[in-house]
């Protein structure tokens, strides 16, 4: 039975590059949404409208967890493995 990591190690380098690019683009989108949530939460807090602060905090925390979970899917070297370097 193959795991995700084993399949990723055996994949063609172009597939790894595509996967890496897709994850980076999704993470940039999620961080942009988090910045927008921060801006709207601070803007409303400065106007003494604190009703948006808690939902913005919860949404931002959920987006943070999604970003952290996406890091698992990044291709890279496994624990204890070394790349072969040509000198």
C-alpha atoms as a PDB file:
ATOM      1  CA  UNK A   1       0.000   0.000   0.000  1.00  0.00           C
ATOM      2  CA  UNK A   2       1.377   3.367  -1.000  1.00  0.00           C
ATOM      3  CA  UNK A   3       1.202   6.408   1.195  1.00  0.00           C
ATOM      4  CA  UNK A   4       1.062  10.007   0.031  1.00  0.00           C
ATOM      5  CA  UNK A   5       4.745  10.564   0.864  1.00  0.00           C
ATOM      6  CA  UNK A   6       5.896   7.477  -1.049  1.00  0.00           C
ATOM      7  CA  UNK A   7       3.903   8.491  -4.102  1.00  0.00           C
ATOM      8  CA  UNK A   8       5.295  11.992  -3.876  1.00  0.00           C
ATOM      9  CA  UNK A   9       8.875  10.738  -3.751  1.00  0.00           C
ATOM     10  CA  UNK A  10       8.326   8.639  -6.862  1.00  0.00           C
ATOM     11  CA  UNK A  11       6.570  11.384  -8.825  1.00  0.00           C
ATOM     12  CA  UNK A  12       8.126  13.166 -11.758  1.00  0.00           C
ATOM     13  CA  UNK A  13       9.897  16.445 -10.817  1.00  0.00           C
ATOM     14  CA  UNK A  14       7.437  18.444 -12.961  1.00  0.00           C
ATOM     15  CA  UNK A  15       4.555  17.136 -10.866  1.00  0.00           C
ATOM     16  CA  UNK A  16       6.362  18.186  -7.698  1.00  0.00           C
ATOM     17  CA  UNK A  17       6.895  21.679  -9.133  1.00  0.00           C
ATOM     18  CA  UNK A  18       3.226  21.967 -10.074  1.00  0.00           C
ATOM     19  CA  UNK A  19       2.123  20.828  -6.631  1.00  0.00           C
ATOM     20  CA  UNK A  20       4.495  23.263  -4.943  1.00  0.00           C
ATOM     21  CA  UNK A  21       3.276  26.161  -7.084  1.00  0.00           C
ATOM     22  CA  UNK A  22      -0.377  25.344  -6.427  1.00  0.00           C
ATOM     23  CA  UNK A  23       0.178  25.181  -2.657  1.00  0.00           C
ATOM     24  CA  UNK A  24       2.067  28.485  -2.685  1.00  0.00           C
ATOM     25  CA  UNK A  25      -0.716  30.206  -4.649  1.00  0.00           C
ATOM     26  CA  UNK A  26      -3.405  28.863  -2.280  1.00  0.00           C
ATOM     27  CA  UNK A  27      -1.383  29.954   0.739  1.00  0.00           C
ATOM     28  CA  UNK A  28      -0.926  33.453  -0.715  1.00  0.00           C
ATOM     29  CA  UNK A  29      -4.683  33.656  -1.231  1.00  0.00           C
ATOM     30  CA  UNK A  30      -5.376  32.532   2.341  1.00  0.00           C
ATOM     31  CA  UNK A  31      -2.856  34.994   3.798  1.00  0.00           C
ATOM     32  CA  UNK A  32      -4.455  37.782   1.723  1.00  0.00           C
ATOM     33  CA  UNK A  33      -7.833  36.910   3.209  1.00  0.00           C
ATOM     34  CA  UNK A  34      -6.288  36.948   6.693  1.00  0.00           C
ATOM     35  CA  UNK A  35      -4.845  40.421   6.060  1.00  0.00           C
ATOM     36  CA  UNK A  36      -8.266  41.600   4.901  1.00  0.00           C
ATOM     37  CA  UNK A  37      -9.846  40.145   8.065  1.00  0.00           C
ATOM     38  CA  UNK A  38      -7.241  41.930  10.193  1.00  0.00           C
ATOM     39  CA  UNK A  39      -7.890  45.219   8.403  1.00  0.00           C
ATOM     40  CA  UNK A  40     -11.672  44.964   8.718  1.00  0.00           C
ATOM     41  CA  UNK A  41     -11.467  43.868  12.370  1.00  0.00           C
ATOM     42  CA  UNK A  42      -9.160  46.733  13.318  1.00  0.00           C
ATOM     43  CA  UNK A  43     -11.179  49.249  11.315  1.00  0.00           C
ATOM     44  CA  UNK A  44     -14.389  48.236  13.073  1.00  0.00           C
ATOM     45  CA  UNK A  45     -12.689  48.162  16.474  1.00  0.00           C
ATOM     46  CA  UNK A  46     -11.453  51.728  15.981  1.00  0.00           C
ATOM     47  CA  UNK A  47     -15.040  52.753  15.210  1.00  0.00           C
ATOM     48  CA  UNK A  48     -16.122  51.160  18.535  1.00  0.00           C
ATOM     49  CA  UNK A  49     -17.977  48.386  16.695  1.00  0.00           C
ATOM     50  CA  UNK A  50     -16.571  45.318  18.387  1.00  0.00           C
ATOM     51  CA  UNK A  51     -19.143  42.878  16.973  1.00  0.00           C
ATOM     52  CA  UNK A  52     -16.903  41.875  14.083  1.00  0.00           C
ATOM     53  CA  UNK A  53     -13.736  41.293  16.113  1.00  0.00           C
ATOM     54  CA  UNK A  54     -14.529  37.801  17.454  1.00  0.00           C
ATOM     55  CA  UNK A  55     -15.829  36.355  14.153  1.00  0.00           C
ATOM     56  CA  UNK A  56     -12.802  37.801  12.335  1.00  0.00           C
ATOM     57  CA  UNK A  57     -10.504  36.244  14.951  1.00  0.00           C
ATOM     58  CA  UNK A  58     -12.164  32.833  14.603  1.00  0.00           C
ATOM     59  CA  UNK A  59     -12.079  32.958  10.790  1.00  0.00           C
ATOM     60  CA  UNK A  60      -8.446  34.021  10.808  1.00  0.00           C
ATOM     61  CA  UNK A  61      -7.526  31.194  13.187  1.00  0.00           C
ATOM     62  CA  UNK A  62      -9.286  28.658  10.951  1.00  0.00           C
ATOM     63  CA  UNK A  63      -7.404  30.007   7.929  1.00  0.00           C
ATOM     64  CA  UNK A  64      -4.167  29.725   9.910  1.00  0.00           C
ATOM     65  CA  UNK A  65      -4.882  26.060  10.629  1.00  0.00           C
ATOM     66  CA  UNK A  66      -5.636  25.439   6.949  1.00  0.00           C
ATOM     67  CA  UNK A  67      -2.337  27.091   5.971  1.00  0.00           C
ATOM     68  CA  UNK A  68      -0.439  24.944   8.453  1.00  0.00           C
ATOM     69  CA  UNK A  69      -2.131  21.787   7.212  1.00  0.00           C
ATOM     70  CA  UNK A  70      -1.205  22.625   3.610  1.00  0.00           C
ATOM     71  CA  UNK A  71       2.462  22.496   4.585  1.00  0.00           C
ATOM     72  CA  UNK A  72       2.146  18.722   4.921  1.00  0.00           C
ATOM     73  CA  UNK A  73       1.563  18.410   1.176  1.00  0.00           C
ATOM     74  CA  UNK A  74       4.690  20.290   0.146  1.00  0.00           C
ATOM     75  CA  UNK A  75       7.159  18.015  -1.582  1.00  0.00           C
ATOM     76  CA  UNK A  76      10.536  17.913   0.044  1.00  0.00           C
ATOM     77  CA  UNK A  77      13.039  15.673   1.562  1.00  0.00           C
ATOM     78  CA  UNK A  78      11.869  13.277   4.201  1.00  0.00           C
ATOM     79  CA  UNK A  79      13.263  12.926   7.682  1.00  0.00           C
ATOM     80  CA  UNK A  80      16.811  11.660   7.622  1.00  0.00           C
ATOM     81  CA  UNK A  81      17.177  11.639   3.841  1.00  0.00           C
ATOM     82  CA  UNK A  82      19.916  13.512   2.085  1.00  0.00           C
ATOM     83  CA  UNK A  83      20.056  14.823  -1.443  1.00  0.00           C
ATOM     84  CA  UNK A  84      22.818  13.585  -3.659  1.00  0.00           C
ATOM     85  CA  UNK A  85      24.995  16.572  -4.433  1.00  0.00           C
ATOM     86  CA  UNK A  86      27.231  16.591  -7.411  1.00  0.00           C
ATOM     87  CA  UNK A  87      30.425  18.485  -6.762  1.00  0.00           C
END
